[in-house]
Amino acid sequence: MAEDATDLLMFPPLRAGGALLGQPAEVRLSGANARRVIFGAMNPVTGTRLFLPRPKARSVDFPAFLAEIRRHYWGRHGALLLDEDPCHTAKASLKAADGVTLLWLPKRSPELNPRDTLWGQGKDVVCANKQGPTLDEQVERILKDLSGLSGPEALQTSGFLSEDFWLKRTLSKTFCGPA
């Protein structure tokens, strides 16, 4: 599975706005920018997705997501493609990964993680330029949107189905030999 976490903020990402020519646009913000983290993983064959919202991305939160993956896959051994976020590399996380092979992406390479693309698409549809009444409602909306995709739609949106997807080329060379 490919794993990635995303931050959801109460203040939405601003993708568009308007103001009179030569006038600054006024953006009103109040209060603290509340945050939630959503951990997510996707099966690259079926497009099945798992999500776990958490208050933060700390060393106790990623092991909770690993437990969710184990519950879903009933203890079968699996592999998880992920970045080197501090919550992933914490001692508690590495210890909790027993029975799961962790496949590390290079540092600072979000373009290699198909989950990152899926998060971006979901945020553009659900969150950009729109602020919900509560952060919990924003979390529910993005989870509903991303869960509503069929497996093939999720694979297409994330880039897994592209002939040029780097992992597809890597697996093809590894298991099928040179083209």
N, C-alpha and C. Protein backbone atom coordinates (compact mmCIF):
# COMPACT_ATOMS: atom_id res chain seq x y z
N MET A 1 0.84 -1.18 0.00
CA MET A 1 0.00 0.00 0.00
C MET A 1 0.89 1.24 0.00
N ALA A 2 0.36 2.30 -0.54
CA ALA A 2 1.04 3.59 -0.50
C ALA A 2 0.39 4.40 0.61
N GLU A 3 1.21 4.95 1.51
CA GLU A 3 0.70 5.70 2.66
C GLU A 3 1.17 7.14 2.59
N ASP A 4 0.31 8.03 3.05
CA ASP A 4 0.68 9.42 3.23
C ASP A 4 -0.33 10.04 4.17
N ALA A 5 0.11 11.04 4.88
CA ALA A 5 -0.79 11.79 5.75
C ALA A 5 -0.91 13.20 5.20
N THR A 6 -2.02 13.83 5.50
CA THR A 6 -2.21 15.21 5.08
C THR A 6 -2.74 16.02 6.24
N ASP A 7 -2.40 17.29 6.26
CA ASP A 7 -2.94 18.22 7.25
C ASP A 7 -4.18 18.86 6.66
N LEU A 8 -5.21 18.94 7.46
CA LEU A 8 -6.41 19.66 7.07
C LEU A 8 -6.52 20.84 8.02
N LEU A 9 -6.63 22.03 7.48
CA LEU A 9 -6.67 23.25 8.28
C LEU A 9 -8.05 23.87 8.24
N MET A 10 -8.40 24.53 9.33
CA MET A 10 -9.70 25.20 9.37
C MET A 10 -9.79 26.28 8.31
N PHE A 11 -8.69 27.06 8.13
CA PHE A 11 -8.68 28.07 7.09
C PHE A 11 -8.35 27.37 5.78
N PRO A 12 -9.20 27.51 4.79
CA PRO A 12 -9.01 26.74 3.55
C PRO A 12 -7.84 27.28 2.72
N PRO A 13 -7.28 26.42 1.87
CA PRO A 13 -6.29 26.92 0.92
C PRO A 13 -6.99 27.84 -0.08
N LEU A 14 -6.42 29.00 -0.32
CA LEU A 14 -7.02 29.95 -1.25
C LEU A 14 -6.43 29.73 -2.63
N ARG A 15 -7.26 29.35 -3.57
CA ARG A 15 -6.82 29.08 -4.93
C ARG A 15 -7.24 30.19 -5.89
N ALA A 16 -8.23 30.98 -5.48
CA ALA A 16 -8.72 32.05 -6.33
C ALA A 16 -9.30 33.14 -5.45
N GLY A 17 -9.35 34.32 -5.97
CA GLY A 17 -9.93 35.44 -5.25
C GLY A 17 -10.15 36.58 -6.22
N GLY A 18 -10.75 37.61 -5.73
CA GLY A 18 -11.00 38.73 -6.61
C GLY A 18 -10.87 40.04 -5.87
N ALA A 19 -10.45 41.06 -6.57
CA ALA A 19 -10.36 42.41 -6.05
C ALA A 19 -10.35 43.35 -7.23
N LEU A 20 -10.68 44.60 -6.98
CA LEU A 20 -10.61 45.60 -8.03
C LEU A 20 -9.17 45.76 -8.47
N LEU A 21 -8.96 46.03 -9.74
CA LEU A 21 -7.63 46.21 -10.30
C LEU A 21 -6.87 47.26 -9.50
N GLY A 22 -5.70 46.91 -9.04
CA GLY A 22 -4.86 47.83 -8.27
C GLY A 22 -5.19 47.89 -6.80
N GLN A 23 -6.22 47.18 -6.37
CA GLN A 23 -6.61 47.18 -4.95
C GLN A 23 -6.22 45.86 -4.31
N PRO A 24 -5.73 45.87 -3.08
CA PRO A 24 -5.42 44.60 -2.41
C PRO A 24 -6.72 43.87 -2.06
N ALA A 25 -6.68 42.56 -2.15
CA ALA A 25 -7.84 41.76 -1.77
C ALA A 25 -7.84 41.60 -0.25
N GLU A 26 -8.99 41.75 0.35
CA GLU A 26 -9.10 41.58 1.79
C GLU A 26 -9.43 40.12 2.09
N VAL A 27 -8.65 39.53 2.97
CA VAL A 27 -8.89 38.16 3.41
C VAL A 27 -9.07 38.21 4.92
N ARG A 28 -10.28 37.92 5.37
CA ARG A 28 -10.57 37.99 6.81
C ARG A 28 -10.34 36.63 7.45
N LEU A 29 -9.53 36.64 8.48
CA LEU A 29 -9.26 35.43 9.26
C LEU A 29 -9.41 35.78 10.72
N SER A 30 -9.91 34.83 11.48
CA SER A 30 -10.00 35.07 12.92
C SER A 30 -9.72 33.77 13.65
N GLY A 31 -9.20 33.90 14.85
CA GLY A 31 -8.95 32.71 15.68
C GLY A 31 -7.71 31.96 15.24
N ALA A 32 -7.45 30.88 15.92
CA ALA A 32 -6.30 30.03 15.60
C ALA A 32 -6.66 29.11 14.44
N ASN A 33 -5.68 28.76 13.66
CA ASN A 33 -5.90 27.87 12.53
C ASN A 33 -5.85 26.43 13.02
N ALA A 34 -6.99 25.90 13.36
CA ALA A 34 -7.07 24.53 13.88
C ALA A 34 -6.60 23.55 12.82
N ARG A 35 -6.09 22.40 13.25
CA ARG A 35 -5.50 21.43 12.35
C ARG A 35 -5.91 20.01 12.75
N ARG A 36 -6.10 19.18 11.73
CA ARG A 36 -6.27 17.74 11.92
C ARG A 36 -5.35 17.06 10.91
N VAL A 37 -4.96 15.86 11.23
CA VAL A 37 -4.15 15.07 10.33
C VAL A 37 -4.97 13.85 9.92
N ILE A 38 -4.94 13.52 8.65
CA ILE A 38 -5.61 12.31 8.19
C ILE A 38 -4.54 11.41 7.59
N PHE A 39 -4.40 10.22 8.16
CA PHE A 39 -3.53 9.22 7.59
C PHE A 39 -4.33 8.45 6.55
N GLY A 40 -3.70 8.11 5.45
CA GLY A 40 -4.39 7.36 4.41
C GLY A 40 -3.44 6.40 3.72
N ALA A 41 -3.97 5.28 3.28
CA ALA A 41 -3.19 4.30 2.51
C ALA A 41 -4.09 3.77 1.40
N MET A 42 -3.45 3.39 0.29
CA MET A 42 -4.20 2.88 -0.85
C MET A 42 -3.50 1.65 -1.42
N ASN A 43 -4.30 0.64 -1.72
CA ASN A 43 -3.81 -0.57 -2.36
C ASN A 43 -3.60 -0.26 -3.84
N PRO A 44 -2.38 -0.45 -4.37
CA PRO A 44 -2.11 -0.08 -5.76
C PRO A 44 -2.73 -1.03 -6.80
N VAL A 45 -3.30 -2.12 -6.35
CA VAL A 45 -3.93 -3.06 -7.28
C VAL A 45 -5.44 -2.83 -7.33
N THR A 46 -6.07 -2.70 -6.17
CA THR A 46 -7.53 -2.59 -6.11
C THR A 46 -8.03 -1.16 -5.96
N GLY A 47 -7.18 -0.25 -5.46
CA GLY A 47 -7.62 1.11 -5.19
C GLY A 47 -8.32 1.25 -3.86
N THR A 48 -8.38 0.17 -3.08
CA THR A 48 -8.98 0.22 -1.75
C THR A 48 -8.22 1.23 -0.91
N ARG A 49 -8.95 2.07 -0.19
CA ARG A 49 -8.33 3.09 0.63
C ARG A 49 -8.74 2.95 2.08
N LEU A 50 -7.80 3.25 2.97
CA LEU A 50 -8.06 3.29 4.41
C LEU A 50 -7.70 4.68 4.90
N PHE A 51 -8.49 5.19 5.85
CA PHE A 51 -8.25 6.53 6.39
C PHE A 51 -8.34 6.48 7.91
N LEU A 52 -7.58 7.34 8.56
CA LEU A 52 -7.68 7.49 10.01
C LEU A 52 -7.39 8.94 10.37
N PRO A 53 -8.42 9.72 10.73
CA PRO A 53 -8.18 11.09 11.18
C PRO A 53 -7.61 11.06 12.60
N ARG A 54 -6.67 11.95 12.86
CA ARG A 54 -6.05 12.06 14.17
C ARG A 54 -5.84 13.54 14.49
N PRO A 55 -5.76 13.88 15.77
CA PRO A 55 -5.53 15.28 16.12
C PRO A 55 -4.17 15.80 15.64
N LYS A 56 -3.16 14.94 15.65
CA LYS A 56 -1.81 15.35 15.25
C LYS A 56 -1.12 14.19 14.54
N ALA A 57 0.09 14.46 14.06
CA ALA A 57 0.91 13.40 13.45
C ALA A 57 2.13 13.21 14.34
N ARG A 58 1.92 12.51 15.42
CA ARG A 58 3.01 12.27 16.37
C ARG A 58 3.34 10.79 16.37
N SER A 59 4.33 10.44 17.19
CA SER A 59 4.81 9.06 17.20
C SER A 59 3.75 8.07 17.68
N VAL A 60 2.70 8.52 18.36
CA VAL A 60 1.62 7.60 18.76
C VAL A 60 0.55 7.48 17.69
N ASP A 61 0.50 8.43 16.77
CA ASP A 61 -0.57 8.45 15.78
C ASP A 61 -0.33 7.49 14.61
N PHE A 62 0.90 7.43 14.12
CA PHE A 62 1.19 6.51 13.03
C PHE A 62 1.03 5.04 13.45
N PRO A 63 1.49 4.64 14.64
CA PRO A 63 1.22 3.26 15.08
C PRO A 63 -0.29 2.95 15.15
N ALA A 64 -1.10 3.94 15.49
CA ALA A 64 -2.56 3.73 15.49
C ALA A 64 -3.05 3.44 14.08
N PHE A 65 -2.47 4.10 13.09
CA PHE A 65 -2.84 3.83 11.70
C PHE A 65 -2.35 2.45 11.26
N LEU A 66 -1.15 2.08 11.69
CA LEU A 66 -0.67 0.73 11.38
C LEU A 66 -1.61 -0.33 11.96
N ALA A 67 -2.13 -0.08 13.15
CA ALA A 67 -3.08 -1.01 13.76
C ALA A 67 -4.36 -1.09 12.93
N GLU A 68 -4.77 0.04 12.37
CA GLU A 68 -5.96 0.06 11.49
C GLU A 68 -5.71 -0.78 10.23
N ILE A 69 -4.52 -0.66 9.66
CA ILE A 69 -4.17 -1.45 8.49
C ILE A 69 -4.19 -2.94 8.84
N ARG A 70 -3.62 -3.30 9.99
CA ARG A 70 -3.61 -4.70 10.41
C ARG A 70 -5.03 -5.24 10.60
N ARG A 71 -5.91 -4.43 11.19
CA ARG A 71 -7.31 -4.85 11.37
C ARG A 71 -7.96 -5.12 10.02
N HIS A 72 -7.69 -4.26 9.06
CA HIS A 72 -8.31 -4.41 7.75
C HIS A 72 -7.77 -5.64 7.01
N TYR A 73 -6.49 -5.88 7.14
CA TYR A 73 -5.86 -6.99 6.41
C TYR A 73 -5.67 -8.23 7.28
N TRP A 74 -6.25 -8.26 8.44
CA TRP A 74 -6.30 -9.43 9.32
C TRP A 74 -4.92 -10.02 9.59
N GLY A 75 -3.96 -9.18 9.81
CA GLY A 75 -2.65 -9.66 10.21
C GLY A 75 -1.77 -10.18 9.09
N ARG A 76 -2.26 -10.16 7.83
CA ARG A 76 -1.40 -10.61 6.73
C ARG A 76 -0.22 -9.67 6.59
N HIS A 77 0.93 -10.22 6.19
CA HIS A 77 2.11 -9.40 5.99
C HIS A 77 1.89 -8.49 4.79
N GLY A 78 2.34 -7.26 4.89
CA GLY A 78 2.19 -6.34 3.78
C GLY A 78 3.38 -5.40 3.70
N ALA A 79 3.37 -4.57 2.68
CA ALA A 79 4.41 -3.57 2.49
C ALA A 79 3.74 -2.21 2.38
N LEU A 80 4.42 -1.21 2.91
CA LEU A 80 3.88 0.13 2.94
C LEU A 80 4.91 1.09 2.37
N LEU A 81 4.53 1.79 1.30
CA LEU A 81 5.37 2.80 0.66
C LEU A 81 5.10 4.12 1.37
N LEU A 82 6.13 4.75 1.94
CA LEU A 82 5.90 5.96 2.71
C LEU A 82 7.12 6.86 2.70
N ASP A 83 6.90 8.12 3.13
CA ASP A 83 7.99 9.07 3.21
C ASP A 83 8.62 9.02 4.61
N GLU A 84 9.63 9.83 4.80
CA GLU A 84 10.36 9.81 6.07
C GLU A 84 9.89 10.89 7.02
N ASP A 85 8.59 11.08 7.11
CA ASP A 85 8.04 12.02 8.08
C ASP A 85 8.48 11.58 9.48
N PRO A 86 8.75 12.53 10.37
CA PRO A 86 9.20 12.15 11.72
C PRO A 86 8.26 11.18 12.44
N CYS A 87 6.94 11.27 12.20
CA CYS A 87 6.04 10.32 12.87
C CYS A 87 6.21 8.91 12.32
N HIS A 88 6.72 8.78 11.09
CA HIS A 88 6.96 7.45 10.51
C HIS A 88 8.27 6.85 11.02
N THR A 89 9.25 7.69 11.26
CA THR A 89 10.58 7.20 11.63
C THR A 89 10.82 7.15 13.13
N ALA A 90 9.84 7.57 13.92
CA ALA A 90 9.98 7.53 15.38
C ALA A 90 10.15 6.08 15.85
N LYS A 91 10.86 5.90 16.95
CA LYS A 91 11.11 4.55 17.47
C LYS A 91 9.81 3.78 17.69
N ALA A 92 8.80 4.45 18.24
CA ALA A 92 7.52 3.77 18.49
C ALA A 92 6.88 3.31 17.18
N SER A 93 7.03 4.10 16.13
CA SER A 93 6.45 3.73 14.84
C SER A 93 7.18 2.55 14.23
N LEU A 94 8.50 2.56 14.30
CA LEU A 94 9.28 1.46 13.73
C LEU A 94 9.01 0.16 14.48
N LYS A 95 8.85 0.27 15.78
CA LYS A 95 8.53 -0.92 16.59
C LYS A 95 7.14 -1.44 16.23
N ALA A 96 6.19 -0.52 16.03
CA ALA A 96 4.80 -0.91 15.71
C ALA A 96 4.67 -1.48 14.31
N ALA A 97 5.69 -1.28 13.47
CA ALA A 97 5.62 -1.75 12.09
C ALA A 97 5.94 -3.23 11.96
N ASP A 98 6.09 -3.93 13.06
CA ASP A 98 6.38 -5.36 13.03
C ASP A 98 5.34 -6.07 12.17
N GLY A 99 5.81 -6.81 11.19
CA GLY A 99 4.90 -7.52 10.28
C GLY A 99 4.54 -6.72 9.05
N VAL A 100 5.06 -5.50 8.94
CA VAL A 100 4.83 -4.67 7.77
C VAL A 100 6.19 -4.21 7.26
N THR A 101 6.47 -4.47 6.00
CA THR A 101 7.72 -4.01 5.40
C THR A 101 7.55 -2.55 5.01
N LEU A 102 8.42 -1.70 5.51
CA LEU A 102 8.36 -0.28 5.20
C LEU A 102 9.30 0.01 4.03
N LEU A 103 8.74 0.57 2.97
CA LEU A 103 9.50 0.92 1.77
C LEU A 103 9.61 2.44 1.73
N TRP A 104 10.81 2.95 1.94
CA TRP A 104 11.01 4.39 2.11
C TRP A 104 11.22 5.10 0.78
N LEU A 105 10.47 6.18 0.61
CA LEU A 105 10.68 7.07 -0.53
C LEU A 105 11.84 8.01 -0.22
N PRO A 106 12.50 8.54 -1.24
CA PRO A 106 13.57 9.51 -0.99
C PRO A 106 13.01 10.75 -0.28
N LYS A 107 13.86 11.39 0.51
CA LYS A 107 13.43 12.60 1.22
C LYS A 107 13.02 13.68 0.23
N ARG A 108 12.05 14.47 0.66
CA ARG A 108 11.56 15.62 -0.11
C ARG A 108 11.17 15.25 -1.54
N SER A 109 10.38 14.22 -1.67
CA SER A 109 9.94 13.81 -3.01
C SER A 109 8.45 13.45 -3.01
N PRO A 110 7.58 14.41 -2.67
CA PRO A 110 6.15 14.11 -2.62
C PRO A 110 5.58 13.69 -3.98
N GLU A 111 6.24 14.09 -5.06
CA GLU A 111 5.75 13.72 -6.39
C GLU A 111 5.83 12.23 -6.64
N LEU A 112 6.60 11.50 -5.84
CA LEU A 112 6.71 10.06 -6.01
C LEU A 112 5.61 9.29 -5.29
N ASN A 113 4.91 9.95 -4.37
CA ASN A 113 3.89 9.27 -3.59
C ASN A 113 2.51 9.52 -4.20
N PRO A 114 1.89 8.49 -4.73
CA PRO A 114 0.57 8.68 -5.35
C PRO A 114 -0.50 9.12 -4.36
N ARG A 115 -0.33 8.84 -3.10
CA ARG A 115 -1.28 9.30 -2.08
C ARG A 115 -1.26 10.82 -2.03
N ASP A 116 -0.10 11.41 -2.19
CA ASP A 116 0.01 12.86 -2.14
C ASP A 116 -0.84 13.51 -3.23
N THR A 117 -0.83 12.92 -4.41
CA THR A 117 -1.65 13.42 -5.52
C THR A 117 -3.13 13.31 -5.19
N LEU A 118 -3.53 12.20 -4.61
CA LEU A 118 -4.94 12.01 -4.25
C LEU A 118 -5.39 13.02 -3.19
N TRP A 119 -4.53 13.28 -2.20
CA TRP A 119 -4.87 14.30 -1.19
C TRP A 119 -5.08 15.65 -1.87
N GLY A 120 -4.16 16.01 -2.75
CA GLY A 120 -4.27 17.30 -3.42
C GLY A 120 -5.56 17.44 -4.21
N GLN A 121 -5.93 16.40 -4.93
CA GLN A 121 -7.18 16.43 -5.70
C GLN A 121 -8.38 16.59 -4.77
N GLY A 122 -8.38 15.84 -3.67
CA GLY A 122 -9.49 15.94 -2.72
C GLY A 122 -9.59 17.32 -2.09
N LYS A 123 -8.45 17.89 -1.73
CA LYS A 123 -8.46 19.22 -1.13
C LYS A 123 -8.93 20.27 -2.14
N ASP A 124 -8.54 20.13 -3.40
CA ASP A 124 -9.00 21.08 -4.41
C ASP A 124 -10.52 21.04 -4.55
N VAL A 125 -11.10 19.85 -4.53
CA VAL A 125 -12.55 19.71 -4.70
C VAL A 125 -13.31 20.14 -3.45
N VAL A 126 -12.85 19.73 -2.29
CA VAL A 126 -13.62 19.90 -1.06
C VAL A 126 -13.26 21.16 -0.28
N CYS A 127 -11.99 21.51 -0.23
CA CYS A 127 -11.55 22.53 0.71
C CYS A 127 -11.18 23.88 0.09
N ALA A 128 -10.67 23.88 -1.13
CA ALA A 128 -10.16 25.12 -1.70
C ALA A 128 -11.23 26.19 -1.75
N ASN A 129 -10.93 27.34 -1.17
CA ASN A 129 -11.80 28.51 -1.15
C ASN A 129 -13.11 28.29 -0.39
N LYS A 130 -13.22 27.20 0.36
CA LYS A 130 -14.45 26.93 1.11
C LYS A 130 -14.09 26.58 2.54
N GLN A 131 -14.71 27.26 3.47
CA GLN A 131 -14.48 26.95 4.87
C GLN A 131 -15.76 26.40 5.46
N GLY A 132 -15.65 25.20 6.04
CA GLY A 132 -16.82 24.61 6.68
C GLY A 132 -17.05 25.23 8.05
N PRO A 133 -18.21 24.97 8.63
CA PRO A 133 -18.51 25.52 9.95
C PRO A 133 -17.54 25.03 11.03
N THR A 134 -17.09 23.78 10.91
CA THR A 134 -16.14 23.23 11.88
C THR A 134 -15.09 22.42 11.14
N LEU A 135 -13.97 22.24 11.80
CA LEU A 135 -12.91 21.44 11.19
C LEU A 135 -13.33 19.98 11.09
N ASP A 136 -14.07 19.49 12.06
CA ASP A 136 -14.56 18.11 11.99
C ASP A 136 -15.44 17.90 10.77
N GLU A 137 -16.25 18.91 10.41
CA GLU A 137 -17.07 18.81 9.21
C GLU A 137 -16.20 18.79 7.95
N GLN A 138 -15.12 19.57 7.94
CA GLN A 138 -14.20 19.56 6.81
C GLN A 138 -13.59 18.16 6.65
N VAL A 139 -13.19 17.56 7.78
CA VAL A 139 -12.62 16.21 7.75
C VAL A 139 -13.65 15.23 7.18
N GLU A 140 -14.88 15.30 7.65
CA GLU A 140 -15.94 14.41 7.14
C GLU A 140 -16.16 14.60 5.64
N ARG A 141 -16.13 15.85 5.19
CA ARG A 141 -16.36 16.13 3.76
C ARG A 141 -15.26 15.55 2.88
N ILE A 142 -14.01 15.72 3.29
CA ILE A 142 -12.93 15.19 2.44
C ILE A 142 -12.91 13.67 2.48
N LEU A 143 -13.20 13.08 3.64
CA LEU A 143 -13.26 11.62 3.72
C LEU A 143 -14.40 11.08 2.87
N LYS A 144 -15.52 11.75 2.88
CA LYS A 144 -16.66 11.33 2.06
C LYS A 144 -16.31 11.42 0.57
N ASP A 145 -15.66 12.51 0.18
CA ASP A 145 -15.28 12.69 -1.22
C ASP A 145 -14.30 11.61 -1.66
N LEU A 146 -13.24 11.39 -0.90
CA LEU A 146 -12.22 10.42 -1.28
C LEU A 146 -12.71 8.98 -1.16
N SER A 147 -13.57 8.71 -0.20
CA SER A 147 -14.13 7.36 -0.05
C SER A 147 -15.16 7.07 -1.14
N GLY A 148 -15.73 8.13 -1.70
CA GLY A 148 -16.75 7.96 -2.74
C GLY A 148 -16.18 7.57 -4.09
N LEU A 149 -14.87 7.69 -4.27
CA LEU A 149 -14.27 7.27 -5.53
C LEU A 149 -14.26 5.75 -5.61
N SER A 150 -14.53 5.20 -6.77
CA SER A 150 -14.38 3.76 -6.94
C SER A 150 -12.88 3.45 -6.92
N GLY A 151 -12.53 2.18 -6.78
CA GLY A 151 -11.13 1.79 -6.80
C GLY A 151 -10.41 2.25 -8.06
N PRO A 152 -10.98 1.96 -9.26
CA PRO A 152 -10.33 2.43 -10.49
C PRO A 152 -10.22 3.96 -10.57
N GLU A 153 -11.25 4.67 -10.09
CA GLU A 153 -11.19 6.14 -10.10
C GLU A 153 -10.06 6.64 -9.21
N ALA A 154 -9.91 6.03 -8.04
CA ALA A 154 -8.83 6.43 -7.12
C ALA A 154 -7.47 6.14 -7.74
N LEU A 155 -7.33 4.99 -8.39
CA LEU A 155 -6.06 4.65 -9.03
C LEU A 155 -5.75 5.61 -10.16
N GLN A 156 -6.76 5.98 -10.95
CA GLN A 156 -6.58 6.92 -12.05
C GLN A 156 -6.20 8.30 -11.51
N THR A 157 -6.93 8.79 -10.52
CA THR A 157 -6.70 10.11 -9.96
C THR A 157 -5.30 10.22 -9.34
N SER A 158 -4.85 9.16 -8.71
CA SER A 158 -3.55 9.18 -8.04
C SER A 158 -2.38 9.02 -9.00
N GLY A 159 -2.64 8.58 -10.21
CA GLY A 159 -1.58 8.38 -11.18
C GLY A 159 -1.07 6.96 -11.28
N PHE A 160 -1.59 6.06 -10.44
CA PHE A 160 -1.15 4.66 -10.48
C PHE A 160 -1.33 4.02 -11.84
N LEU A 161 -2.37 4.41 -12.58
CA LEU A 161 -2.68 3.75 -13.85
C LEU A 161 -1.91 4.32 -15.04
N SER A 162 -1.17 5.38 -14.82
CA SER A 162 -0.39 5.98 -15.90
C SER A 162 0.74 5.05 -16.33
N GLU A 163 0.93 4.93 -17.62
CA GLU A 163 2.04 4.12 -18.13
C GLU A 163 3.38 4.68 -17.69
N ASP A 164 3.42 5.97 -17.43
CA ASP A 164 4.66 6.62 -17.02
C ASP A 164 4.87 6.64 -15.51
N PHE A 165 3.96 6.04 -14.75
CA PHE A 165 4.10 6.07 -13.30
C PHE A 165 5.39 5.35 -12.90
N TRP A 166 6.21 6.01 -12.11
CA TRP A 166 7.55 5.51 -11.79
C TRP A 166 7.52 4.13 -11.15
N LEU A 167 6.56 3.86 -10.29
CA LEU A 167 6.53 2.57 -9.59
C LEU A 167 6.18 1.44 -10.56
N LYS A 168 5.29 1.73 -11.50
CA LYS A 168 4.92 0.72 -12.49
C LYS A 168 6.15 0.34 -13.32
N ARG A 169 6.93 1.34 -13.74
CA ARG A 169 8.15 1.07 -14.50
C ARG A 169 9.15 0.28 -13.66
N THR A 170 9.29 0.66 -12.38
CA THR A 170 10.24 -0.01 -11.49
C THR A 170 9.85 -1.47 -11.28
N LEU A 171 8.58 -1.71 -11.00
CA LEU A 171 8.12 -3.09 -10.77
C LEU A 171 8.24 -3.92 -12.05
N SER A 172 7.93 -3.29 -13.18
CA SER A 172 8.04 -4.02 -14.44
C SER A 172 9.48 -4.46 -14.69
N LYS A 173 10.45 -3.58 -14.46
CA LYS A 173 11.85 -3.93 -14.64
C LYS A 173 12.31 -4.97 -13.64
N THR A 174 11.81 -4.84 -12.41
CA THR A 174 12.23 -5.75 -11.34
C THR A 174 11.71 -7.17 -11.56
N PHE A 175 10.43 -7.28 -11.95
CA PHE A 175 9.81 -8.59 -12.03
C PHE A 175 9.71 -9.16 -13.45
N CYS A 176 9.84 -8.30 -14.45
CA CYS A 176 9.67 -8.78 -15.83
C CYS A 176 10.94 -8.65 -16.65
N GLY A 177 11.95 -8.04 -16.12
CA GLY A 177 13.20 -7.85 -16.85
C GLY A 177 13.12 -6.65 -17.76
N PRO A 178 14.18 -6.35 -18.50
CA PRO A 178 14.19 -5.18 -19.37
C PRO A 178 13.16 -5.30 -20.49
N ALA A 179 12.64 -4.14 -20.89
CA ALA A 179 11.63 -4.12 -21.95
C ALA A 179 12.26 -4.34 -23.30
